[in-house]
N, C-alpha and C. Protein backbone atom coordinates (compact mmCIF):
# COMPACT_ATOMS: atom_id res chain seq x y z
N MET A 1 0.85 -1.18 0.00
CA MET A 1 0.00 0.00 0.00
C MET A 1 0.89 1.24 0.00
N SER A 2 0.51 2.22 -0.76
CA SER A 2 1.36 3.39 -0.90
C SER A 2 1.22 4.38 0.25
N THR A 3 0.06 4.41 0.90
CA THR A 3 -0.10 5.32 2.03
C THR A 3 -0.19 4.52 3.32
N PRO A 4 0.35 5.06 4.38
CA PRO A 4 0.39 4.29 5.64
C PRO A 4 -0.93 4.35 6.41
N HIS A 5 -1.89 3.56 5.97
CA HIS A 5 -3.17 3.47 6.67
C HIS A 5 -3.02 2.70 7.98
N VAL A 6 -3.96 2.92 8.87
CA VAL A 6 -4.15 2.01 9.99
C VAL A 6 -5.28 1.07 9.58
N VAL A 7 -4.99 -0.21 9.58
CA VAL A 7 -5.95 -1.23 9.18
C VAL A 7 -6.48 -1.91 10.43
N VAL A 8 -7.80 -1.92 10.59
CA VAL A 8 -8.45 -2.62 11.68
C VAL A 8 -8.94 -3.96 11.12
N VAL A 9 -8.37 -5.05 11.60
CA VAL A 9 -8.76 -6.39 11.18
C VAL A 9 -9.95 -6.79 12.05
N MET A 10 -11.11 -6.96 11.41
CA MET A 10 -12.35 -7.18 12.15
C MET A 10 -13.01 -8.50 11.74
N GLY A 11 -13.95 -8.93 12.55
CA GLY A 11 -14.73 -10.13 12.26
C GLY A 11 -15.10 -10.85 13.54
N VAL A 12 -15.94 -11.84 13.40
CA VAL A 12 -16.37 -12.61 14.57
C VAL A 12 -15.18 -13.39 15.12
N ALA A 13 -15.32 -13.86 16.33
CA ALA A 13 -14.29 -14.69 16.96
C ALA A 13 -14.02 -15.90 16.07
N GLY A 14 -12.75 -16.26 15.96
CA GLY A 14 -12.38 -17.45 15.22
C GLY A 14 -12.10 -17.24 13.75
N THR A 15 -12.22 -16.01 13.25
CA THR A 15 -11.93 -15.76 11.84
C THR A 15 -10.44 -15.63 11.56
N GLY A 16 -9.64 -15.49 12.61
CA GLY A 16 -8.20 -15.44 12.42
C GLY A 16 -7.60 -14.05 12.55
N LYS A 17 -8.26 -13.16 13.25
CA LYS A 17 -7.74 -11.80 13.40
C LYS A 17 -6.34 -11.80 13.99
N THR A 18 -6.12 -12.64 15.01
CA THR A 18 -4.84 -12.69 15.70
C THR A 18 -3.76 -13.37 14.86
N THR A 19 -4.16 -14.20 13.92
CA THR A 19 -3.21 -14.83 13.01
C THR A 19 -2.91 -13.93 11.82
N ILE A 20 -3.96 -13.40 11.20
CA ILE A 20 -3.80 -12.60 9.98
C ILE A 20 -3.22 -11.22 10.30
N GLY A 21 -3.62 -10.63 11.41
CA GLY A 21 -3.14 -9.29 11.76
C GLY A 21 -1.63 -9.16 11.72
N PRO A 22 -0.88 -9.99 12.45
CA PRO A 22 0.59 -9.88 12.41
C PRO A 22 1.18 -10.17 11.04
N LEU A 23 0.58 -11.12 10.31
CA LEU A 23 1.08 -11.42 8.96
C LEU A 23 0.87 -10.22 8.03
N LEU A 24 -0.30 -9.60 8.15
CA LEU A 24 -0.59 -8.42 7.33
C LEU A 24 0.36 -7.27 7.70
N ALA A 25 0.56 -7.06 8.99
CA ALA A 25 1.46 -5.99 9.44
C ALA A 25 2.88 -6.22 8.90
N ALA A 26 3.34 -7.46 8.95
CA ALA A 26 4.68 -7.77 8.43
C ALA A 26 4.74 -7.50 6.93
N GLU A 27 3.71 -7.89 6.22
CA GLU A 27 3.66 -7.68 4.77
C GLU A 27 3.67 -6.19 4.43
N LEU A 28 2.99 -5.39 5.26
CA LEU A 28 2.90 -3.95 5.02
C LEU A 28 4.06 -3.17 5.64
N GLY A 29 4.85 -3.83 6.48
CA GLY A 29 5.98 -3.17 7.13
C GLY A 29 5.57 -2.16 8.20
N VAL A 30 4.50 -2.51 8.94
CA VAL A 30 4.01 -1.63 10.00
C VAL A 30 3.81 -2.45 11.28
N PRO A 31 3.67 -1.79 12.45
CA PRO A 31 3.47 -2.53 13.69
C PRO A 31 2.06 -3.11 13.80
N TYR A 32 1.97 -4.16 14.61
CA TYR A 32 0.70 -4.83 14.90
C TYR A 32 0.38 -4.66 16.37
N ALA A 33 -0.91 -4.42 16.67
CA ALA A 33 -1.39 -4.40 18.06
C ALA A 33 -2.54 -5.38 18.18
N GLU A 34 -2.47 -6.25 19.16
CA GLU A 34 -3.51 -7.24 19.42
C GLU A 34 -4.66 -6.58 20.17
N GLY A 35 -5.83 -6.55 19.54
CA GLY A 35 -6.99 -5.90 20.14
C GLY A 35 -7.37 -6.46 21.50
N ASP A 36 -7.21 -7.77 21.68
CA ASP A 36 -7.56 -8.37 22.97
C ASP A 36 -6.74 -7.78 24.12
N ASP A 37 -5.54 -7.30 23.82
CA ASP A 37 -4.69 -6.72 24.86
C ASP A 37 -5.24 -5.41 25.41
N PHE A 38 -6.18 -4.80 24.71
CA PHE A 38 -6.79 -3.55 25.16
C PHE A 38 -7.99 -3.78 26.07
N HIS A 39 -8.44 -5.04 26.21
CA HIS A 39 -9.58 -5.34 27.08
C HIS A 39 -9.19 -5.19 28.55
N PRO A 40 -10.04 -4.56 29.34
CA PRO A 40 -9.82 -4.59 30.78
C PRO A 40 -10.04 -6.02 31.31
N ALA A 41 -9.45 -6.30 32.45
CA ALA A 41 -9.55 -7.64 33.05
C ALA A 41 -10.99 -8.08 33.24
N ALA A 42 -11.87 -7.16 33.58
CA ALA A 42 -13.28 -7.50 33.79
C ALA A 42 -13.92 -8.05 32.52
N ASN A 43 -13.55 -7.51 31.37
CA ASN A 43 -14.10 -8.01 30.10
C ASN A 43 -13.63 -9.43 29.84
N ILE A 44 -12.35 -9.69 30.07
CA ILE A 44 -11.81 -11.03 29.83
C ILE A 44 -12.47 -12.03 30.76
N ALA A 45 -12.66 -11.65 32.02
CA ALA A 45 -13.33 -12.54 32.98
C ALA A 45 -14.75 -12.84 32.53
N LYS A 46 -15.44 -11.83 32.05
CA LYS A 46 -16.83 -12.00 31.61
C LYS A 46 -16.89 -12.97 30.42
N MET A 47 -16.04 -12.75 29.41
CA MET A 47 -16.04 -13.62 28.23
C MET A 47 -15.60 -15.04 28.59
N SER A 48 -14.61 -15.15 29.48
CA SER A 48 -14.13 -16.47 29.90
C SER A 48 -15.23 -17.28 30.57
N ALA A 49 -16.15 -16.57 31.21
CA ALA A 49 -17.27 -17.22 31.88
C ALA A 49 -18.40 -17.53 30.90
N GLY A 50 -18.21 -17.18 29.62
CA GLY A 50 -19.23 -17.47 28.62
C GLY A 50 -20.31 -16.41 28.52
N THR A 51 -20.06 -15.24 29.11
CA THR A 51 -21.04 -14.15 29.08
C THR A 51 -20.63 -13.14 28.02
N PRO A 52 -21.52 -12.87 27.05
CA PRO A 52 -21.18 -11.87 26.04
C PRO A 52 -21.02 -10.49 26.65
N LEU A 53 -20.15 -9.69 26.08
CA LEU A 53 -19.99 -8.30 26.52
C LEU A 53 -21.19 -7.49 26.04
N ASP A 54 -21.53 -6.46 26.81
CA ASP A 54 -22.54 -5.52 26.34
C ASP A 54 -21.82 -4.25 25.91
N ASP A 55 -22.58 -3.32 25.36
CA ASP A 55 -21.95 -2.11 24.82
C ASP A 55 -21.20 -1.33 25.88
N ALA A 56 -21.71 -1.29 27.09
CA ALA A 56 -21.02 -0.56 28.16
C ALA A 56 -19.63 -1.16 28.42
N ASP A 57 -19.51 -2.48 28.26
CA ASP A 57 -18.21 -3.15 28.42
C ASP A 57 -17.27 -2.77 27.27
N ARG A 58 -17.84 -2.58 26.09
CA ARG A 58 -17.02 -2.38 24.89
C ARG A 58 -16.49 -0.96 24.73
N TRP A 59 -17.20 0.06 25.22
CA TRP A 59 -16.79 1.44 24.95
C TRP A 59 -15.35 1.73 25.38
N PRO A 60 -14.94 1.42 26.62
CA PRO A 60 -13.54 1.72 26.99
C PRO A 60 -12.53 0.94 26.15
N TRP A 61 -12.88 -0.28 25.78
CA TRP A 61 -12.02 -1.11 24.95
C TRP A 61 -11.86 -0.49 23.57
N LEU A 62 -12.97 -0.10 22.96
CA LEU A 62 -12.92 0.53 21.63
C LEU A 62 -12.17 1.85 21.69
N ASP A 63 -12.37 2.62 22.75
CA ASP A 63 -11.66 3.89 22.88
C ASP A 63 -10.15 3.68 22.98
N ALA A 64 -9.74 2.64 23.68
CA ALA A 64 -8.31 2.34 23.82
C ALA A 64 -7.71 1.94 22.46
N ILE A 65 -8.43 1.11 21.71
CA ILE A 65 -7.97 0.74 20.37
C ILE A 65 -7.91 1.97 19.47
N GLY A 66 -8.95 2.81 19.55
CA GLY A 66 -8.99 4.03 18.76
C GLY A 66 -7.84 4.96 19.07
N GLN A 67 -7.46 5.04 20.34
CA GLN A 67 -6.32 5.88 20.74
C GLN A 67 -5.03 5.36 20.12
N TRP A 68 -4.87 4.04 20.14
CA TRP A 68 -3.68 3.45 19.53
C TRP A 68 -3.66 3.79 18.03
N ALA A 69 -4.80 3.57 17.37
CA ALA A 69 -4.89 3.84 15.93
C ALA A 69 -4.63 5.31 15.63
N HIS A 70 -5.15 6.20 16.46
CA HIS A 70 -4.92 7.63 16.29
C HIS A 70 -3.42 7.95 16.36
N GLY A 71 -2.75 7.30 17.31
CA GLY A 71 -1.31 7.51 17.46
C GLY A 71 -0.50 7.01 16.27
N ARG A 72 -1.07 6.14 15.47
CA ARG A 72 -0.39 5.58 14.29
C ARG A 72 -0.82 6.29 13.00
N ALA A 73 -1.69 7.29 13.10
CA ALA A 73 -2.17 8.02 11.91
C ALA A 73 -0.98 8.58 11.15
N GLY A 74 -0.95 8.35 9.86
CA GLY A 74 0.14 8.82 9.01
C GLY A 74 1.37 7.93 9.05
N LEU A 75 1.41 7.00 10.00
CA LEU A 75 2.54 6.09 10.14
C LEU A 75 2.19 4.67 9.69
N GLY A 76 0.92 4.33 9.83
CA GLY A 76 0.45 3.00 9.50
C GLY A 76 0.51 2.05 10.67
N GLY A 77 -0.31 1.05 10.60
CA GLY A 77 -0.37 0.04 11.64
C GLY A 77 -1.51 -0.92 11.36
N VAL A 78 -1.50 -2.02 12.06
CA VAL A 78 -2.58 -3.00 11.98
C VAL A 78 -2.98 -3.33 13.40
N VAL A 79 -4.29 -3.32 13.65
CA VAL A 79 -4.82 -3.67 14.97
C VAL A 79 -6.04 -4.56 14.77
N SER A 80 -6.22 -5.51 15.66
CA SER A 80 -7.39 -6.37 15.58
C SER A 80 -8.47 -5.87 16.53
N SER A 81 -9.71 -6.00 16.09
CA SER A 81 -10.88 -5.66 16.89
C SER A 81 -12.07 -6.30 16.22
N SER A 82 -12.91 -6.96 16.98
CA SER A 82 -14.07 -7.60 16.34
C SER A 82 -14.91 -6.57 15.58
N ALA A 83 -15.09 -5.37 16.13
CA ALA A 83 -15.79 -4.26 15.45
C ALA A 83 -17.05 -4.74 14.74
N LEU A 84 -17.85 -5.54 15.44
CA LEU A 84 -18.97 -6.22 14.81
C LEU A 84 -20.11 -5.29 14.39
N LYS A 85 -20.33 -4.22 15.13
CA LYS A 85 -21.43 -3.30 14.82
C LYS A 85 -20.91 -2.03 14.17
N ARG A 86 -21.76 -1.44 13.34
CA ARG A 86 -21.42 -0.17 12.70
C ARG A 86 -21.08 0.88 13.76
N VAL A 87 -21.84 0.93 14.83
CA VAL A 87 -21.59 1.94 15.87
C VAL A 87 -20.21 1.76 16.50
N TYR A 88 -19.70 0.53 16.57
CA TYR A 88 -18.35 0.29 17.10
C TYR A 88 -17.31 0.83 16.12
N ARG A 89 -17.54 0.56 14.84
CA ARG A 89 -16.60 1.07 13.83
C ARG A 89 -16.65 2.59 13.77
N ASP A 90 -17.84 3.17 13.94
CA ASP A 90 -17.97 4.63 13.98
C ASP A 90 -17.18 5.19 15.16
N ARG A 91 -17.22 4.50 16.28
CA ARG A 91 -16.48 4.96 17.47
C ARG A 91 -14.98 4.91 17.21
N LEU A 92 -14.53 3.84 16.56
CA LEU A 92 -13.10 3.75 16.21
C LEU A 92 -12.72 4.85 15.23
N ARG A 93 -13.56 5.11 14.23
CA ARG A 93 -13.27 6.16 13.26
C ARG A 93 -13.30 7.55 13.89
N ALA A 94 -14.09 7.72 14.95
CA ALA A 94 -14.11 9.02 15.63
C ALA A 94 -12.74 9.34 16.21
N LYS A 95 -12.03 8.33 16.67
CA LYS A 95 -10.67 8.50 17.22
C LYS A 95 -9.61 8.49 16.13
N ALA A 96 -9.85 7.67 15.10
CA ALA A 96 -8.87 7.48 14.02
C ALA A 96 -9.59 7.56 12.68
N PRO A 97 -9.89 8.77 12.21
CA PRO A 97 -10.72 8.94 11.01
C PRO A 97 -10.19 8.27 9.75
N GLY A 98 -8.90 8.07 9.63
CA GLY A 98 -8.34 7.46 8.42
C GLY A 98 -8.29 5.94 8.45
N ALA A 99 -8.78 5.33 9.51
CA ALA A 99 -8.70 3.87 9.61
C ALA A 99 -9.52 3.20 8.51
N VAL A 100 -9.00 2.09 8.02
CA VAL A 100 -9.73 1.25 7.07
C VAL A 100 -9.92 -0.12 7.73
N PHE A 101 -10.97 -0.81 7.30
CA PHE A 101 -11.33 -2.07 7.93
C PHE A 101 -11.11 -3.23 6.97
N LEU A 102 -10.54 -4.30 7.51
CA LEU A 102 -10.40 -5.57 6.81
C LEU A 102 -11.32 -6.55 7.51
N HIS A 103 -12.46 -6.86 6.89
CA HIS A 103 -13.44 -7.76 7.49
C HIS A 103 -13.13 -9.19 7.05
N LEU A 104 -12.72 -10.01 8.01
CA LEU A 104 -12.47 -11.42 7.74
C LEU A 104 -13.81 -12.15 7.84
N THR A 105 -14.21 -12.78 6.75
CA THR A 105 -15.51 -13.44 6.69
C THR A 105 -15.31 -14.92 6.38
N GLY A 106 -16.33 -15.70 6.69
CA GLY A 106 -16.23 -17.11 6.35
C GLY A 106 -17.43 -17.90 6.78
N ASP A 107 -17.44 -19.14 6.36
CA ASP A 107 -18.50 -20.08 6.69
C ASP A 107 -18.49 -20.36 8.20
N ARG A 108 -19.67 -20.33 8.81
CA ARG A 108 -19.78 -20.53 10.25
C ARG A 108 -19.16 -21.86 10.69
N ALA A 109 -19.37 -22.92 9.95
CA ALA A 109 -18.83 -24.24 10.33
C ALA A 109 -17.30 -24.22 10.35
N LEU A 110 -16.69 -23.58 9.36
CA LEU A 110 -15.23 -23.47 9.32
C LEU A 110 -14.73 -22.66 10.51
N ILE A 111 -15.38 -21.57 10.81
CA ILE A 111 -14.97 -20.71 11.93
C ILE A 111 -15.10 -21.46 13.25
N GLU A 112 -16.20 -22.18 13.44
CA GLU A 112 -16.37 -22.94 14.68
C GLU A 112 -15.31 -24.02 14.81
N GLU A 113 -14.98 -24.68 13.70
CA GLU A 113 -13.94 -25.71 13.71
C GLU A 113 -12.60 -25.11 14.13
N ARG A 114 -12.27 -23.96 13.59
CA ARG A 114 -11.00 -23.31 13.94
C ARG A 114 -11.00 -22.86 15.40
N MET A 115 -12.14 -22.37 15.88
CA MET A 115 -12.22 -21.97 17.29
C MET A 115 -11.98 -23.17 18.21
N ALA A 116 -12.57 -24.30 17.86
CA ALA A 116 -12.44 -25.50 18.68
C ALA A 116 -11.00 -25.99 18.74
N GLU A 117 -10.22 -25.72 17.69
CA GLU A 117 -8.83 -26.19 17.61
C GLU A 117 -7.84 -25.29 18.35
N ARG A 118 -8.21 -24.04 18.59
CA ARG A 118 -7.21 -23.15 19.18
C ARG A 118 -7.08 -23.38 20.68
N LYS A 119 -5.90 -23.11 21.15
CA LYS A 119 -5.55 -23.37 22.55
C LYS A 119 -5.33 -22.06 23.30
N GLY A 120 -5.76 -22.02 24.55
CA GLY A 120 -5.43 -20.91 25.43
C GLY A 120 -6.14 -19.60 25.13
N HIS A 121 -7.27 -19.65 24.43
CA HIS A 121 -8.00 -18.41 24.15
C HIS A 121 -9.22 -18.35 25.05
N PHE A 122 -9.55 -17.14 25.50
CA PHE A 122 -10.64 -16.99 26.48
C PHE A 122 -12.03 -17.03 25.87
N MET A 123 -12.16 -16.92 24.55
CA MET A 123 -13.49 -16.87 23.92
C MET A 123 -13.98 -18.28 23.61
N PRO A 124 -15.01 -18.75 24.32
CA PRO A 124 -15.52 -20.10 24.07
C PRO A 124 -16.37 -20.14 22.79
N THR A 125 -16.44 -21.32 22.16
CA THR A 125 -17.25 -21.46 20.95
C THR A 125 -18.72 -21.18 21.23
N ALA A 126 -19.15 -21.30 22.47
CA ALA A 126 -20.55 -21.05 22.83
C ALA A 126 -20.97 -19.61 22.50
N LEU A 127 -20.02 -18.69 22.44
CA LEU A 127 -20.35 -17.29 22.16
C LEU A 127 -20.38 -16.98 20.66
N LEU A 128 -20.09 -17.97 19.82
CA LEU A 128 -20.05 -17.71 18.38
C LEU A 128 -21.41 -17.26 17.85
N ASP A 129 -22.49 -17.89 18.31
CA ASP A 129 -23.82 -17.49 17.84
C ASP A 129 -24.11 -16.03 18.17
N SER A 130 -23.71 -15.59 19.37
CA SER A 130 -23.96 -14.19 19.74
C SER A 130 -23.12 -13.26 18.87
N GLN A 131 -21.93 -13.71 18.47
CA GLN A 131 -21.08 -12.91 17.59
C GLN A 131 -21.75 -12.72 16.22
N PHE A 132 -22.24 -13.83 15.65
CA PHE A 132 -22.91 -13.74 14.35
C PHE A 132 -24.20 -12.93 14.44
N ALA A 133 -24.90 -13.04 15.55
CA ALA A 133 -26.14 -12.27 15.72
C ALA A 133 -25.86 -10.77 15.80
N THR A 134 -24.72 -10.41 16.35
CA THR A 134 -24.34 -9.01 16.52
C THR A 134 -23.75 -8.42 15.24
N LEU A 135 -23.13 -9.25 14.40
CA LEU A 135 -22.39 -8.78 13.24
C LEU A 135 -23.24 -7.93 12.28
N GLN A 136 -22.73 -6.75 11.99
CA GLN A 136 -23.26 -5.89 10.93
C GLN A 136 -22.11 -5.70 9.94
N PRO A 137 -22.19 -6.36 8.77
CA PRO A 137 -21.08 -6.28 7.80
C PRO A 137 -20.81 -4.83 7.38
N LEU A 138 -19.61 -4.62 6.85
CA LEU A 138 -19.24 -3.30 6.34
C LEU A 138 -20.29 -2.80 5.34
N GLN A 139 -20.59 -1.52 5.42
CA GLN A 139 -21.52 -0.89 4.48
C GLN A 139 -20.72 -0.21 3.36
N ASP A 140 -21.40 0.10 2.28
CA ASP A 140 -20.75 0.69 1.12
C ASP A 140 -20.04 2.00 1.43
N ASP A 141 -20.53 2.74 2.44
CA ASP A 141 -19.91 4.03 2.76
C ASP A 141 -18.78 3.92 3.78
N GLU A 142 -18.39 2.69 4.13
CA GLU A 142 -17.30 2.49 5.08
C GLU A 142 -16.04 2.09 4.31
N ALA A 143 -14.92 2.73 4.66
CA ALA A 143 -13.64 2.40 4.03
C ALA A 143 -13.20 1.03 4.52
N GLY A 144 -13.19 0.07 3.61
CA GLY A 144 -12.76 -1.25 3.99
C GLY A 144 -13.06 -2.28 2.93
N VAL A 145 -12.60 -3.50 3.20
CA VAL A 145 -12.76 -4.63 2.30
C VAL A 145 -13.10 -5.87 3.11
N SER A 146 -13.73 -6.83 2.45
CA SER A 146 -14.01 -8.13 3.06
C SER A 146 -13.18 -9.19 2.36
N VAL A 147 -12.65 -10.11 3.15
CA VAL A 147 -11.82 -11.18 2.60
C VAL A 147 -12.25 -12.50 3.26
N ASP A 148 -12.44 -13.51 2.44
CA ASP A 148 -12.84 -14.84 2.92
C ASP A 148 -11.66 -15.51 3.63
N VAL A 149 -11.97 -16.25 4.70
CA VAL A 149 -10.91 -16.86 5.51
C VAL A 149 -10.63 -18.33 5.16
N SER A 150 -11.13 -18.79 4.03
CA SER A 150 -10.77 -20.15 3.64
C SER A 150 -9.32 -20.12 3.13
N GLY A 151 -8.65 -21.25 3.29
CA GLY A 151 -7.26 -21.35 2.84
C GLY A 151 -6.28 -21.15 3.98
N THR A 152 -5.01 -21.07 3.61
CA THR A 152 -3.95 -20.91 4.61
C THR A 152 -3.87 -19.45 5.06
N PRO A 153 -3.26 -19.21 6.22
CA PRO A 153 -3.07 -17.82 6.65
C PRO A 153 -2.32 -16.98 5.61
N GLU A 154 -1.35 -17.59 4.94
CA GLU A 154 -0.59 -16.85 3.93
C GLU A 154 -1.48 -16.48 2.74
N GLU A 155 -2.35 -17.40 2.32
CA GLU A 155 -3.27 -17.11 1.21
C GLU A 155 -4.25 -15.99 1.59
N ILE A 156 -4.76 -16.07 2.80
CA ILE A 156 -5.70 -15.05 3.29
C ILE A 156 -5.01 -13.69 3.32
N THR A 157 -3.77 -13.68 3.82
CA THR A 157 -3.01 -12.42 3.90
C THR A 157 -2.78 -11.84 2.52
N GLN A 158 -2.43 -12.66 1.56
CA GLN A 158 -2.19 -12.16 0.21
C GLN A 158 -3.47 -11.59 -0.41
N ARG A 159 -4.61 -12.27 -0.15
CA ARG A 159 -5.90 -11.73 -0.64
C ARG A 159 -6.19 -10.40 0.03
N ALA A 160 -5.86 -10.29 1.32
CA ALA A 160 -6.10 -9.05 2.06
C ALA A 160 -5.26 -7.91 1.51
N VAL A 161 -3.98 -8.17 1.27
CA VAL A 161 -3.09 -7.14 0.73
C VAL A 161 -3.61 -6.67 -0.63
N ALA A 162 -4.00 -7.61 -1.48
CA ALA A 162 -4.51 -7.25 -2.81
C ALA A 162 -5.79 -6.43 -2.70
N ALA A 163 -6.69 -6.82 -1.80
CA ALA A 163 -7.95 -6.09 -1.64
C ALA A 163 -7.70 -4.69 -1.10
N LEU A 164 -6.79 -4.56 -0.14
CA LEU A 164 -6.47 -3.24 0.42
C LEU A 164 -5.82 -2.35 -0.63
N ARG A 165 -5.00 -2.91 -1.47
CA ARG A 165 -4.37 -2.13 -2.55
C ARG A 165 -5.42 -1.59 -3.51
N ARG A 166 -6.45 -2.39 -3.77
CA ARG A 166 -7.53 -1.95 -4.67
C ARG A 166 -8.30 -0.77 -4.08
N LEU A 167 -8.30 -0.66 -2.76
CA LEU A 167 -8.96 0.49 -2.11
C LEU A 167 -8.32 1.81 -2.54
N GLU A 168 -7.04 1.76 -2.84
CA GLU A 168 -6.29 2.98 -3.14
C GLU A 168 -6.39 3.40 -4.60
N VAL A 169 -6.92 2.55 -5.43
CA VAL A 169 -6.98 2.87 -6.86
C VAL A 169 -8.04 3.93 -7.12
């Protein structure tokens, strides 16, 4: 990409944000920030117990991610955030107006299979239905692209880079 955007890698749990984010950042030559690291301990405890977060839980988390993205404006960066609702993405854009979104999408069965295989993550597969119920895909007026998560992480990353480059044309 010719301009140093901040890319927010978004999608439901299990789409590979934590895998694709660092690969994308390396490909673009910019730093990566793990969105889960911005969660307060109370949010992690709630999700670990199988309780979905509500909007009040998400606002401080989104603000912290937005602050990081704002600090990378003009420099570039990649950060992960589920950003499932338009209002969440609007909140991120309020802090970092130039952010673009990479929506990782895929078949629910594939995503559930990948979630079941991962080790040491606090998000149980039981919350996947609530994630899909909450998801509002990117709208035409939002800067971003959607990329399917089938294939290897390297294939997904290459599709993401190509799609993000097309945004600049």
